[in-house]
Every structure is written in C-alpha cells, then in structure tokens.
Amino acid sequence: MVTTYTIASGKGGTGKTTLSVNLGTALAALGKETFIMDADMGMANMGIILGLENVPVTLHEVLAGKAKVSEAIYEGPEGVKVVPSGISLQGFQNAEPERLRDVMKEIINHCEILIMDAPAGISRDGVVPLAIADEVILVINPELSSMIDALKTKILTELIGGKVKGFILNRATFENTDVSVKKIQEVLDLEILGLIPEDPNVRRSAAYRQPIIIRYPDSPASVEIKKIAAQIAGVEFEKGKEVRKNDDKFLDKLARSLTKGGD
C-alpha cells in the first residue's frame, strides 16, 4: 500500500524542505521505495539542497505538459528518488499546479512512500499538495507565530478535505522556546511526531549538498529524523553505535524543558 505525505508549514524558514529531504532519505535507507517531490514550485529549494538545480527536466516541465514524469525523476542518496522543481521563474509561470494530482497518481505506481514538499503559507499552488496527500505533516518552530500559522494551515487542510497526521517541532533550543509542546498540542489538537533540536550540522551538511543524516549521521538532528522515519515506516528504531550518550542526555533534557514550559 502506498502512502503519500505532504510536509507543510504556515510560514517559511521552518526547515520544511530540509526535513522533507532527510526524512525521505531516511525512509529509503530503511528499505522503503521512497520518492520526494518538490511541490514548492516557486522557491524550488529541494534541487539546490541536493545539487540538482541544473538538471534538464524538472517538475515545471511536467506540469507545463512539455515532459513525461519519468524524465523528471533523479537518483538521490540511499536510493531515494527525487522529483525537483526548476529554479526558473518562467518555468514556474508555465507550470499548472492542477496537474500535480496526475503526477502523483503516476508516481505512486512505482513507490511505497511519496513525500511532497509544499509551499509555505496559503496560496493557490499550495492548496493542491494539502488536498491530494493521504496525510499532511506540519513543521513548526517553537515560536508563537509559527504555531498560529500552523493552525491556519491545519484548518485550511481540513476545509478542503485533507487530513493532518500531526506535527514535528523543528529547530528547538532551550533559548528560543516561546511555546511548549503541551501548549502546541492543545491549540492544534494534534499529536507530536518528533522533536528535532537546533543543530549546526544542518547548515554544514547543506554546504556539502548532502542530507545531514548522511553527512553527520550521529548528530542530534539526524537521530531524531531517523526516529521519525522509523515511526512512519512502522519499524523499530535501532540506535546506531555512533550516537553519543551526551547527545541522548541533551535530547532528554530539551524534551523535558519543552514539555513543562509555556503553560
């Protein structure tokens, strides 16, 4: 059975695209036939993250009716299949977001899991990925504005007949937490799927055009992303020997502080 997920956020800068790439890579590493598709056609950062910004055919050409879906599929780390959008503004203007459903229908014939990176905010091209996925996962930063924007995205998703699976709290630190996990759960009435700490290795891995779970597999953010992937894949998370004990202590302490604070 194929499951499709849309990774969404109410505002930009939450780390949504980086999470989509790493989560898809982690699922592929677990042996799941996984596709990741850049449905954020205006920003199109997925290809840049993976060094695919200059490929000849992208989702833009497919949605403009100028290429087949098979021509826009590229091999990524751990065997994850990538469907990037182009960086050309003209290509974006020619693309028809309504065709995304047809693209998805073709892709799911070849995979077990499809992850779509949706545009941030509420826009015409952003509504389609929210509607066509089996489940939407919201990415939130520990800030009041991020929580409020996520609530708007949740309401919109449900209005158009979509389903929100839960949320991931990303880029969490002891200092920048305006709201607690408990408060977010109460406001959104959603389950937390994972808590990913702020990790300088995210930016370092981006400089190498590699997912953090590949470049720095033992880093705190990598461990948490792999835990979320295992949960989605329905397998038990196996902590690698490379994970340091001090990382575990840090994550436990961070989780406790976010659960207790902000009431």
Protein backbone atom coordinates (compact mmCIF):
# COMPACT_ATOMS: atom_id res chain seq x y z
CA MET A 1 0.00 0.00 0.00
CA VAL A 2 1.34 3.42 -0.99
CA THR A 3 1.15 6.31 1.47
CA THR A 4 1.55 9.93 0.40
CA TYR A 5 2.60 12.67 2.80
CA THR A 6 2.72 16.41 2.32
CA ILE A 7 5.20 18.29 4.52
CA ALA A 8 3.74 21.74 5.16
CA SER A 9 4.20 24.81 7.33
CA GLY A 10 2.31 28.01 7.85
CA LYS A 11 5.39 30.18 7.31
CA GLY A 12 8.73 29.97 5.56
CA GLY A 13 12.01 29.24 7.29
CA THR A 14 10.81 26.37 9.45
CA GLY A 15 13.19 23.87 7.85
CA LYS A 16 10.42 22.13 5.93
CA THR A 17 12.40 21.35 2.77
CA THR A 18 15.48 20.14 4.65
CA LEU A 19 13.23 17.88 6.71
CA SER A 20 11.49 16.54 3.58
CA VAL A 21 14.82 15.62 2.00
CA ASN A 22 16.23 13.99 5.13
CA LEU A 23 13.04 12.16 6.02
CA GLY A 24 12.78 10.75 2.50
CA THR A 25 16.43 9.72 2.56
CA ALA A 26 15.98 8.05 5.96
CA LEU A 27 12.95 6.11 4.72
CA ALA A 28 14.89 4.95 1.66
CA ALA A 29 17.70 3.84 3.95
CA LEU A 30 15.15 1.69 5.79
CA GLY A 31 14.45 -0.12 2.55
CA LYS A 32 11.27 1.74 1.62
CA GLU A 33 10.87 2.66 -2.05
CA THR A 34 10.58 6.40 -1.48
CA PHE A 35 10.02 9.40 -3.74
CA ILE A 36 10.39 13.02 -2.67
CA MET A 37 8.78 15.68 -4.84
CA ASP A 38 9.33 19.43 -4.71
CA ALA A 39 5.78 20.77 -4.85
CA ASP A 40 7.08 24.14 -3.66
CA MET A 41 7.33 25.23 -7.27
CA GLY A 42 8.01 28.89 -6.59
CA MET A 43 11.01 28.51 -4.27
CA ALA A 44 12.23 25.11 -5.56
CA ASN A 45 14.90 24.59 -2.89
CA MET A 46 14.93 20.80 -2.90
CA GLY A 47 17.06 20.60 -6.03
CA ILE A 48 19.52 23.14 -4.63
CA ILE A 49 19.91 21.16 -1.40
CA LEU A 50 20.74 18.02 -3.37
CA GLY A 51 22.80 19.64 -6.13
CA LEU A 52 20.11 19.06 -8.77
CA GLU A 53 19.37 22.69 -9.65
CA ASN A 54 20.77 22.35 -13.19
CA VAL A 55 19.06 19.14 -14.30
CA PRO A 56 17.49 19.33 -17.80
CA VAL A 57 13.93 18.33 -16.87
CA THR A 58 12.03 19.24 -13.69
CA LEU A 59 8.51 19.15 -12.33
CA HIS A 60 7.96 22.53 -14.02
CA GLU A 61 8.26 20.97 -17.48
CA VAL A 62 6.00 18.09 -16.48
CA LEU A 63 3.30 20.41 -15.15
CA ALA A 64 3.58 22.52 -18.31
CA GLY A 65 2.89 19.44 -20.42
CA LYS A 66 6.34 19.52 -22.02
CA ALA A 67 7.85 16.37 -20.47
CA LYS A 68 6.91 12.99 -19.01
CA VAL A 69 7.06 12.32 -15.28
CA SER A 70 9.72 9.65 -15.85
CA GLU A 71 12.05 12.27 -17.35
CA ALA A 72 11.99 14.35 -14.16
CA ILE A 73 12.99 11.57 -11.73
CA TYR A 74 16.56 11.53 -10.40
CA GLU A 75 18.50 9.26 -8.06
CA GLY A 76 19.26 10.69 -4.63
CA PRO A 77 21.16 9.50 -1.53
CA GLU A 78 20.36 5.98 -0.30
CA GLY A 79 18.39 5.38 -3.49
CA VAL A 80 15.64 7.90 -2.75
CA LYS A 81 14.02 9.12 -5.98
CA VAL A 82 13.84 12.90 -6.38
CA VAL A 83 11.44 14.96 -8.50
CA PRO A 84 12.81 18.53 -8.25
CA SER A 85 11.18 21.74 -9.39
CA GLY A 86 13.16 24.17 -11.53
CA ILE A 87 14.67 27.45 -10.41
CA SER A 88 13.45 29.35 -13.49
CA LEU A 89 10.68 31.86 -12.84
CA GLN A 90 9.43 31.38 -16.38
CA GLY A 91 9.18 27.65 -15.78
CA PHE A 92 7.17 28.35 -12.64
CA GLN A 93 4.79 30.61 -14.58
CA ASN A 94 4.21 27.91 -17.21
CA ALA A 95 3.53 25.17 -14.67
CA GLU A 96 -0.07 24.23 -13.92
CA PRO A 97 -0.43 23.16 -10.25
CA GLU A 98 -3.72 21.39 -11.02
CA ARG A 99 -1.76 18.72 -12.90
CA LEU A 100 0.01 17.72 -9.67
CA ARG A 101 -2.67 15.16 -8.90
CA ASP A 102 -1.98 13.37 -12.19
CA VAL A 103 1.77 13.39 -11.49
CA MET A 104 1.15 11.91 -8.06
CA LYS A 105 -1.05 9.17 -9.50
CA GLU A 106 1.73 8.12 -11.85
CA ILE A 107 4.46 8.20 -9.20
CA ILE A 108 2.59 6.07 -6.68
CA ASN A 109 2.67 3.20 -9.14
CA HIS A 110 6.42 2.99 -8.51
CA CYS A 111 6.87 3.57 -4.78
CA GLU A 112 5.77 2.77 -1.25
CA ILE A 113 6.04 6.28 0.15
CA LEU A 114 5.76 9.66 -1.56
CA ILE A 115 6.76 12.82 0.30
CA MET A 116 5.71 16.17 -1.18
CA ASP A 117 7.32 19.40 -0.01
CA ALA A 118 4.53 22.00 -0.07
CA PRO A 119 4.87 25.78 -0.39
CA ALA A 120 4.79 27.68 2.89
CA GLY A 121 1.72 29.74 3.66
CA ILE A 122 -1.63 29.77 1.93
CA SER A 123 -1.58 30.13 -1.85
CA ARG A 124 -3.22 28.70 -4.96
CA ASP A 125 -0.36 26.35 -5.76
CA GLY A 126 -0.07 25.43 -2.07
CA VAL A 127 -3.61 24.13 -1.71
CA VAL A 128 -3.23 21.21 -4.13
CA PRO A 129 -0.50 19.33 -2.16
CA LEU A 130 -2.58 19.67 1.02
CA ALA A 131 -5.64 18.20 -0.68
CA ILE A 132 -4.15 15.27 -2.57
CA ALA A 133 -1.94 13.69 0.11
CA ASP A 134 -3.14 10.89 2.35
CA GLU A 135 -1.80 12.81 5.33
CA VAL A 136 -0.25 16.22 5.98
CA ILE A 137 2.62 16.68 8.45
CA LEU A 138 3.08 20.19 9.82
CA VAL A 139 6.55 21.54 10.59
CA ILE A 140 6.58 24.07 13.43
CA ASN A 141 9.27 26.13 15.12
CA PRO A 142 8.89 26.78 18.87
CA GLU A 143 7.50 30.29 18.33
CA LEU A 144 4.00 31.64 18.80
CA SER A 145 3.77 32.96 15.23
CA SER A 146 4.75 29.57 13.82
CA MET A 147 2.12 27.81 15.92
CA ILE A 148 -0.61 30.25 14.81
CA ASP A 149 0.34 29.88 11.14
CA ALA A 150 0.35 26.10 11.52
CA LEU A 151 -3.16 26.29 12.96
CA LYS A 152 -4.32 28.21 9.86
CA THR A 153 -2.75 25.54 7.64
CA LYS A 154 -4.45 22.78 9.61
CA ILE A 155 -7.85 24.49 9.30
CA LEU A 156 -7.35 25.01 5.57
CA THR A 157 -6.31 21.38 5.07
CA GLU A 158 -9.43 20.12 6.81
CA LEU A 159 -11.67 22.56 4.94
CA ILE A 160 -10.54 21.15 1.59
CA GLY A 161 -10.94 17.56 2.76
CA GLY A 162 -7.36 16.77 3.71
CA LYS A 163 -6.11 15.03 6.84
CA VAL A 164 -3.36 16.25 9.17
CA LYS A 165 -1.34 13.42 10.73
CA GLY A 166 0.49 15.51 13.33
CA PHE A 167 3.32 17.98 13.75
CA ILE A 168 7.09 17.99 14.05
CA LEU A 169 8.70 20.60 16.28
CA ASN A 170 11.86 21.65 14.45
CA ARG A 171 14.89 23.75 15.41
CA ALA A 172 14.11 23.59 19.11
CA THR A 173 16.53 25.07 21.65
CA PHE A 174 16.38 25.98 25.30
CA GLU A 175 16.53 29.69 24.45
CA ASN A 176 14.07 30.19 21.58
CA THR A 177 11.07 28.38 23.01
CA ASP A 178 8.07 30.71 23.23
CA VAL A 179 5.58 27.86 23.49
CA SER A 180 5.74 24.36 24.92
CA VAL A 181 4.95 21.08 23.22
CA LYS A 182 1.97 20.72 25.54
CA LYS A 183 0.60 24.12 24.50
CA ILE A 184 1.04 23.36 20.78
CA GLN A 185 -0.76 20.04 21.20
CA GLU A 186 -3.63 21.77 22.98
CA VAL A 187 -4.01 24.53 20.39
CA LEU A 188 -3.63 22.32 17.30
CA ASP A 189 -5.26 19.23 18.82
CA LEU A 190 -2.58 17.16 17.10
CA GLU A 191 -0.04 14.51 18.01
CA ILE A 192 3.64 15.41 18.07
CA LEU A 193 5.56 13.11 15.72
CA GLY A 194 9.04 14.26 16.68
CA LEU A 195 11.16 16.96 18.25
CA ILE A 196 14.25 17.98 16.27
CA PRO A 197 16.79 20.17 18.07
CA GLU A 198 18.65 23.09 16.54
CA ASP A 199 21.81 21.56 15.09
CA PRO A 200 24.69 23.46 13.43
CA ASN A 201 25.41 20.36 11.36
CA VAL A 202 22.28 21.05 9.31
CA ARG A 203 23.95 24.06 7.72
CA ARG A 204 27.29 22.31 7.45
CA SER A 205 25.75 19.40 5.55
CA ALA A 206 23.92 21.85 3.26
CA ALA A 207 27.29 23.29 2.23
CA TYR A 208 28.25 19.80 1.04
CA ARG A 209 24.89 19.33 -0.77
CA GLN A 210 24.20 16.29 1.41
CA PRO A 211 21.40 15.40 3.84
CA ILE A 212 22.50 15.71 7.44
CA ILE A 213 21.65 12.05 8.09
CA ILE A 214 24.31 11.13 5.51
CA ARG A 215 26.98 13.72 6.33
CA TYR A 216 26.57 13.70 10.12
CA PRO A 217 24.61 10.54 10.97
CA ASP A 218 25.38 10.72 14.70
CA SER A 219 24.27 14.34 15.20
CA PRO A 220 21.23 15.11 17.42
CA ALA A 221 19.04 16.22 14.49
CA SER A 222 19.94 13.14 12.44
CA VAL A 223 18.99 10.78 15.25
CA GLU A 224 15.60 12.41 15.71
CA ILE A 225 14.85 12.41 11.97
CA LYS A 226 15.69 8.71 11.79
CA LYS A 227 13.36 8.07 14.72
CA ILE A 228 10.51 9.80 12.86
CA ALA A 229 11.29 7.79 9.71
CA ALA A 230 11.19 4.53 11.66
CA GLN A 231 7.83 5.53 13.12
CA ILE A 232 6.40 6.29 9.67
CA ALA A 233 7.85 3.07 8.23
CA GLY A 234 6.37 1.06 11.09
CA VAL A 235 9.69 -0.38 12.20
CA GLU A 236 11.55 -0.26 15.47
CA PHE A 237 14.20 2.44 15.67
CA GLU A 238 17.66 0.97 16.08
CA LYS A 239 20.03 3.45 17.62
CA GLY A 240 23.43 3.20 15.98
CA LYS A 241 26.62 2.84 17.92
CA GLU A 242 27.72 6.20 16.55
CA VAL A 243 25.16 8.06 18.71
CA ARG A 244 26.94 9.58 21.67
CA LYS A 245 25.49 9.34 25.18
CA ASN A 246 25.77 13.08 25.71
CA ASP A 247 23.51 13.58 22.68
CA ASP A 248 20.87 11.40 24.36
CA LYS A 249 21.11 13.41 27.58
CA PHE A 250 20.80 16.67 25.67
CA LEU A 251 17.68 15.49 23.83
CA ASP A 252 16.05 14.19 27.02
CA LYS A 253 16.71 17.47 28.81
CA LEU A 254 15.42 19.52 25.86
CA ALA A 255 12.25 17.43 25.60
CA ARG A 256 11.55 17.85 29.32
CA SER A 257 12.03 21.62 29.17
CA LEU A 258 9.70 22.00 26.19
CA THR A 259 7.03 19.81 27.80
CA LYS A 260 6.99 21.73 31.06
CA GLY A 261 7.41 25.28 29.76
CA GLY A 262 4.94 27.76 28.33
CA ASP A 263 1.78 26.75 30.25
